[in-house]
């Protein structure tokens, strides 16, 4: 699991590379919460283009991150979900809870 963080137009973009599963969950949680806690941007985008798989542990961290972002008065967007990950969100009805956009540009505008 790798991460890259970029700030563009008052928006923090966190690029995630690799599976979001039990093996990477502690690293994911630490990075997400640290970046959200900095509270140095109006909104946060989690770019999932390079995430082929999200387990229930990964979903738990995403929900916790959404809650924490709301407490910090930040908007949290998910972008570039591949079809398999998007299907998981639909099955567990999380697609209605998150702001999901096709591209980073859509989330920024």
N, C-alpha and C. Protein backbone atom coordinates (compact mmCIF):
# COMPACT_ATOMS: atom_id res chain seq x y z
N UNK A 1 0.84 -1.17 0.00
CA UNK A 1 0.00 0.00 0.00
C UNK A 1 0.88 1.24 0.00
N UNK A 2 0.67 2.09 -0.96
CA UNK A 2 1.42 3.34 -1.08
C UNK A 2 0.44 4.51 -1.18
N UNK A 3 0.92 5.70 -0.83
CA UNK A 3 0.11 6.90 -0.86
C UNK A 3 0.90 8.05 -1.47
N UNK A 4 0.19 8.95 -2.07
CA UNK A 4 0.77 10.21 -2.53
C UNK A 4 -0.25 11.29 -2.20
N UNK A 5 0.21 12.41 -1.63
CA UNK A 5 -0.69 13.49 -1.24
C UNK A 5 -0.34 14.74 -2.05
N UNK A 6 -1.38 15.38 -2.57
CA UNK A 6 -1.23 16.59 -3.37
C UNK A 6 -2.31 17.58 -2.95
N UNK A 7 -2.00 18.87 -2.98
CA UNK A 7 -3.01 19.89 -2.70
C UNK A 7 -3.22 20.68 -3.98
N UNK A 8 -4.49 20.80 -4.38
CA UNK A 8 -4.84 21.52 -5.60
C UNK A 8 -6.14 22.28 -5.35
N UNK A 9 -6.13 23.58 -5.58
CA UNK A 9 -7.34 24.41 -5.43
C UNK A 9 -8.01 24.22 -4.07
N UNK A 10 -7.26 24.32 -3.00
CA UNK A 10 -7.77 24.18 -1.62
C UNK A 10 -8.36 22.80 -1.36
N UNK A 11 -7.95 21.84 -2.15
CA UNK A 11 -8.43 20.46 -2.00
C UNK A 11 -7.24 19.53 -1.85
N UNK A 12 -7.28 18.70 -0.83
CA UNK A 12 -6.23 17.70 -0.62
C UNK A 12 -6.64 16.43 -1.35
N UNK A 13 -5.73 15.93 -2.17
CA UNK A 13 -5.98 14.70 -2.92
C UNK A 13 -5.03 13.64 -2.39
N UNK A 14 -5.60 12.53 -1.95
CA UNK A 14 -4.79 11.40 -1.47
C UNK A 14 -4.95 10.28 -2.49
N UNK A 15 -3.86 10.00 -3.19
CA UNK A 15 -3.83 8.91 -4.16
C UNK A 15 -3.45 7.64 -3.41
N UNK A 16 -4.22 6.59 -3.63
CA UNK A 16 -4.00 5.33 -2.92
C UNK A 16 -3.63 4.27 -3.95
N UNK A 17 -2.59 3.50 -3.65
CA UNK A 17 -2.12 2.46 -4.56
C UNK A 17 -2.09 1.13 -3.81
N UNK A 18 -2.90 0.18 -4.24
CA UNK A 18 -2.92 -1.15 -3.64
C UNK A 18 -4.26 -1.49 -3.01
N UNK A 19 -4.36 -2.70 -2.53
CA UNK A 19 -5.60 -3.18 -1.92
C UNK A 19 -5.84 -2.52 -0.57
N UNK A 20 -7.09 -2.27 -0.29
CA UNK A 20 -7.50 -1.78 1.04
C UNK A 20 -8.07 -2.98 1.78
N UNK A 21 -7.20 -3.66 2.49
CA UNK A 21 -7.62 -4.89 3.17
C UNK A 21 -6.97 -4.97 4.55
N UNK A 22 -7.15 -6.09 5.20
CA UNK A 22 -6.68 -6.27 6.58
C UNK A 22 -5.15 -6.11 6.68
N UNK A 23 -4.44 -6.37 5.62
CA UNK A 23 -2.97 -6.27 5.65
C UNK A 23 -2.48 -4.83 5.61
N UNK A 24 -3.30 -3.93 5.10
CA UNK A 24 -2.87 -2.54 4.96
C UNK A 24 -3.69 -1.57 5.81
N UNK A 25 -4.61 -2.09 6.58
CA UNK A 25 -5.60 -1.25 7.26
C UNK A 25 -4.98 -0.28 8.26
N UNK A 26 -3.97 -0.69 9.00
CA UNK A 26 -3.38 0.21 10.00
C UNK A 26 -2.66 1.38 9.35
N UNK A 27 -1.97 1.10 8.25
CA UNK A 27 -1.28 2.17 7.52
C UNK A 27 -2.30 3.14 6.91
N UNK A 28 -3.36 2.59 6.35
CA UNK A 28 -4.42 3.42 5.75
C UNK A 28 -5.03 4.33 6.81
N UNK A 29 -5.41 3.74 7.92
CA UNK A 29 -6.05 4.51 8.99
C UNK A 29 -5.14 5.64 9.47
N UNK A 30 -3.87 5.35 9.66
CA UNK A 30 -2.93 6.35 10.15
C UNK A 30 -2.81 7.51 9.14
N UNK A 31 -2.62 7.19 7.88
CA UNK A 31 -2.47 8.22 6.85
C UNK A 31 -3.74 9.05 6.72
N UNK A 32 -4.90 8.40 6.59
CA UNK A 32 -6.16 9.13 6.42
C UNK A 32 -6.41 10.07 7.58
N UNK A 33 -6.32 9.54 8.79
CA UNK A 33 -6.64 10.37 9.95
C UNK A 33 -5.64 11.50 10.14
N UNK A 34 -4.36 11.25 9.85
CA UNK A 34 -3.36 12.32 9.93
C UNK A 34 -3.68 13.43 8.93
N UNK A 35 -3.97 13.06 7.71
CA UNK A 35 -4.23 14.06 6.67
C UNK A 35 -5.53 14.83 6.93
N UNK A 36 -6.55 14.15 7.40
CA UNK A 36 -7.81 14.83 7.71
C UNK A 36 -7.62 15.75 8.91
N UNK A 37 -6.90 15.28 9.91
CA UNK A 37 -6.71 16.04 11.14
C UNK A 37 -5.92 17.33 10.91
N UNK A 38 -5.09 17.38 9.90
CA UNK A 38 -4.33 18.60 9.59
C UNK A 38 -5.28 19.76 9.31
N UNK A 39 -6.47 19.43 8.80
CA UNK A 39 -7.51 20.43 8.55
C UNK A 39 -6.96 21.63 7.77
N UNK A 40 -6.14 21.34 6.76
CA UNK A 40 -5.52 22.39 5.97
C UNK A 40 -6.10 22.53 4.56
N UNK A 41 -7.28 21.98 4.36
CA UNK A 41 -7.94 22.11 3.07
C UNK A 41 -9.44 22.06 3.27
N UNK A 42 -10.17 22.58 2.29
CA UNK A 42 -11.63 22.63 2.39
C UNK A 42 -12.27 21.28 2.16
N UNK A 43 -11.67 20.50 1.29
CA UNK A 43 -12.20 19.17 1.02
C UNK A 43 -11.06 18.20 0.76
N UNK A 44 -11.39 16.92 0.86
CA UNK A 44 -10.41 15.86 0.71
C UNK A 44 -10.94 14.88 -0.32
N UNK A 45 -10.08 14.51 -1.24
CA UNK A 45 -10.43 13.52 -2.26
C UNK A 45 -9.57 12.29 -2.03
N UNK A 46 -10.20 11.15 -1.95
CA UNK A 46 -9.48 9.87 -1.91
C UNK A 46 -9.60 9.29 -3.31
N UNK A 47 -8.49 9.29 -4.04
CA UNK A 47 -8.49 8.77 -5.40
C UNK A 47 -8.23 7.27 -5.36
N UNK A 48 -9.21 6.49 -5.79
CA UNK A 48 -9.14 5.03 -5.69
C UNK A 48 -8.86 4.35 -7.03
N UNK A 49 -8.34 5.12 -7.98
CA UNK A 49 -8.10 4.56 -9.31
C UNK A 49 -7.19 3.33 -9.28
N UNK A 50 -6.22 3.32 -8.39
CA UNK A 50 -5.26 2.22 -8.31
C UNK A 50 -5.53 1.29 -7.12
N UNK A 51 -6.80 1.21 -6.74
CA UNK A 51 -7.22 0.30 -5.67
C UNK A 51 -8.10 -0.78 -6.30
N UNK A 52 -7.55 -1.98 -6.52
CA UNK A 52 -8.33 -3.02 -7.16
C UNK A 52 -9.32 -3.74 -6.24
N UNK A 53 -9.12 -3.62 -4.91
CA UNK A 53 -9.94 -4.39 -3.97
C UNK A 53 -10.12 -3.62 -2.66
N UNK A 54 -11.35 -3.62 -2.15
CA UNK A 54 -11.64 -3.03 -0.84
C UNK A 54 -12.38 -4.09 -0.02
N UNK A 55 -11.79 -4.49 1.10
CA UNK A 55 -12.42 -5.47 1.98
C UNK A 55 -13.34 -4.76 2.97
N UNK A 56 -13.98 -5.53 3.82
CA UNK A 56 -14.84 -4.93 4.86
C UNK A 56 -14.01 -4.06 5.80
N UNK A 57 -12.75 -4.43 6.03
CA UNK A 57 -11.87 -3.59 6.86
C UNK A 57 -11.61 -2.25 6.17
N UNK A 58 -11.41 -2.29 4.88
CA UNK A 58 -11.22 -1.06 4.11
C UNK A 58 -12.45 -0.18 4.14
N UNK A 59 -13.62 -0.79 4.01
CA UNK A 59 -14.88 -0.03 4.08
C UNK A 59 -15.05 0.62 5.45
N UNK A 60 -14.67 -0.11 6.50
CA UNK A 60 -14.78 0.44 7.86
C UNK A 60 -13.93 1.69 8.00
N UNK A 61 -12.71 1.66 7.48
CA UNK A 61 -11.83 2.83 7.56
C UNK A 61 -12.38 3.99 6.74
N UNK A 62 -12.95 3.70 5.59
CA UNK A 62 -13.54 4.77 4.78
C UNK A 62 -14.71 5.43 5.50
N UNK A 63 -15.55 4.63 6.14
CA UNK A 63 -16.68 5.18 6.89
C UNK A 63 -16.17 6.00 8.08
N UNK A 64 -15.18 5.50 8.78
CA UNK A 64 -14.60 6.24 9.91
C UNK A 64 -13.97 7.55 9.43
N UNK A 65 -13.31 7.51 8.28
CA UNK A 65 -12.71 8.72 7.72
C UNK A 65 -13.77 9.74 7.33
N UNK A 66 -14.87 9.27 6.78
CA UNK A 66 -15.97 10.16 6.43
C UNK A 66 -16.52 10.84 7.67
N UNK A 67 -16.72 10.08 8.72
CA UNK A 67 -17.23 10.64 9.98
C UNK A 67 -16.26 11.67 10.54
N UNK A 68 -14.97 11.34 10.54
CA UNK A 68 -13.96 12.25 11.07
C UNK A 68 -13.87 13.52 10.22
N UNK A 69 -13.94 13.37 8.91
CA UNK A 69 -13.91 14.55 8.02
C UNK A 69 -15.10 15.47 8.30
N UNK A 70 -16.27 14.90 8.50
CA UNK A 70 -17.45 15.72 8.82
C UNK A 70 -17.25 16.46 10.14
N UNK A 71 -16.66 15.78 11.13
CA UNK A 71 -16.39 16.44 12.41
C UNK A 71 -15.42 17.60 12.25
N UNK A 72 -14.51 17.50 11.30
CA UNK A 72 -13.54 18.55 11.01
C UNK A 72 -14.11 19.59 10.03
N UNK A 73 -15.37 19.40 9.66
CA UNK A 73 -16.08 20.27 8.70
C UNK A 73 -15.41 20.26 7.33
N UNK A 74 -14.96 19.09 6.92
CA UNK A 74 -14.41 18.88 5.58
C UNK A 74 -15.36 18.02 4.78
N UNK A 75 -15.35 18.21 3.47
CA UNK A 75 -16.08 17.32 2.57
C UNK A 75 -15.11 16.24 2.12
N UNK A 76 -15.58 15.00 2.08
CA UNK A 76 -14.76 13.88 1.64
C UNK A 76 -15.36 13.30 0.37
N UNK A 77 -14.55 13.23 -0.68
CA UNK A 77 -14.98 12.68 -1.96
C UNK A 77 -14.17 11.42 -2.26
N UNK A 78 -14.79 10.49 -2.96
CA UNK A 78 -14.11 9.32 -3.50
C UNK A 78 -14.16 9.46 -5.02
N UNK A 79 -13.03 9.22 -5.68
CA UNK A 79 -13.00 9.34 -7.13
C UNK A 79 -12.36 8.12 -7.78
N UNK A 80 -12.68 7.97 -9.07
CA UNK A 80 -12.05 6.96 -9.93
C UNK A 80 -12.19 5.53 -9.41
N UNK A 81 -13.37 5.18 -8.90
CA UNK A 81 -13.59 3.82 -8.43
C UNK A 81 -13.62 2.87 -9.63
N UNK A 82 -12.87 1.78 -9.54
CA UNK A 82 -12.95 0.80 -10.62
C UNK A 82 -14.27 0.04 -10.47
N UNK A 83 -14.74 -0.63 -11.52
CA UNK A 83 -16.06 -1.27 -11.47
C UNK A 83 -16.26 -2.24 -10.31
N UNK A 84 -15.24 -3.02 -9.95
CA UNK A 84 -15.39 -3.99 -8.85
C UNK A 84 -15.59 -3.28 -7.52
N UNK A 85 -14.82 -2.22 -7.28
CA UNK A 85 -14.95 -1.47 -6.03
C UNK A 85 -16.28 -0.72 -6.01
N UNK A 86 -16.66 -0.15 -7.13
CA UNK A 86 -17.94 0.55 -7.22
C UNK A 86 -19.10 -0.40 -6.91
N UNK A 87 -19.00 -1.62 -7.38
CA UNK A 87 -20.05 -2.63 -7.13
C UNK A 87 -20.16 -2.94 -5.64
N UNK A 88 -19.03 -3.02 -4.94
CA UNK A 88 -19.05 -3.26 -3.49
C UNK A 88 -19.81 -2.13 -2.80
N UNK A 89 -19.54 -0.89 -3.18
CA UNK A 89 -20.23 0.26 -2.59
C UNK A 89 -21.73 0.18 -2.83
N UNK A 90 -22.13 -0.24 -4.03
CA UNK A 90 -23.56 -0.38 -4.35
C UNK A 90 -24.20 -1.50 -3.53
N UNK A 91 -23.53 -2.63 -3.41
CA UNK A 91 -24.08 -3.79 -2.70
C UNK A 91 -24.36 -3.45 -1.24
N UNK A 92 -23.43 -2.75 -0.59
CA UNK A 92 -23.60 -2.44 0.83
C UNK A 92 -24.23 -1.06 1.04
N UNK A 93 -24.69 -0.46 -0.06
CA UNK A 93 -25.42 0.81 -0.04
C UNK A 93 -24.61 1.98 0.53
N UNK A 94 -23.29 1.94 0.34
CA UNK A 94 -22.45 3.06 0.78
C UNK A 94 -22.35 4.14 -0.29
N UNK A 95 -22.80 3.82 -1.50
CA UNK A 95 -22.75 4.81 -2.57
C UNK A 95 -23.66 6.01 -2.28
N UNK A 96 -24.61 5.85 -1.38
CA UNK A 96 -25.48 6.97 -1.00
C UNK A 96 -24.89 7.78 0.15
N UNK A 97 -23.96 7.21 0.87
CA UNK A 97 -23.35 7.87 2.02
C UNK A 97 -22.19 8.78 1.61
N UNK A 98 -21.46 8.37 0.58
CA UNK A 98 -20.27 9.09 0.14
C UNK A 98 -20.56 9.98 -1.06
N UNK A 99 -19.74 11.03 -1.19
CA UNK A 99 -19.74 11.84 -2.40
C UNK A 99 -18.80 11.13 -3.37
N UNK A 100 -19.35 10.44 -4.36
CA UNK A 100 -18.55 9.69 -5.31
C UNK A 100 -18.60 10.41 -6.65
N UNK A 101 -17.42 10.65 -7.23
CA UNK A 101 -17.31 11.32 -8.52
C UNK A 101 -16.45 10.46 -9.44
N UNK A 102 -16.70 10.57 -10.72
CA UNK A 102 -15.93 9.80 -11.71
C UNK A 102 -14.47 10.24 -11.76
N UNK A 103 -14.23 11.56 -11.67
CA UNK A 103 -12.87 12.08 -11.81
C UNK A 103 -12.54 13.06 -10.68
N UNK A 104 -11.28 13.33 -10.53
CA UNK A 104 -10.83 14.33 -9.56
C UNK A 104 -11.36 15.70 -9.94
N UNK A 105 -11.35 16.01 -11.22
CA UNK A 105 -11.83 17.31 -11.69
C UNK A 105 -13.30 17.54 -11.33
N UNK A 106 -14.12 16.50 -11.44
CA UNK A 106 -15.54 16.61 -11.05
C UNK A 106 -15.67 16.89 -9.55
N UNK A 107 -14.82 16.30 -8.74
CA UNK A 107 -14.88 16.49 -7.29
C UNK A 107 -14.42 17.90 -6.90
N UNK A 108 -13.46 18.42 -7.63
CA UNK A 108 -12.94 19.76 -7.31
C UNK A 108 -13.94 20.84 -7.69
N UNK A 109 -14.62 20.67 -8.82
CA UNK A 109 -15.53 21.73 -9.29
C UNK A 109 -16.83 21.79 -8.53
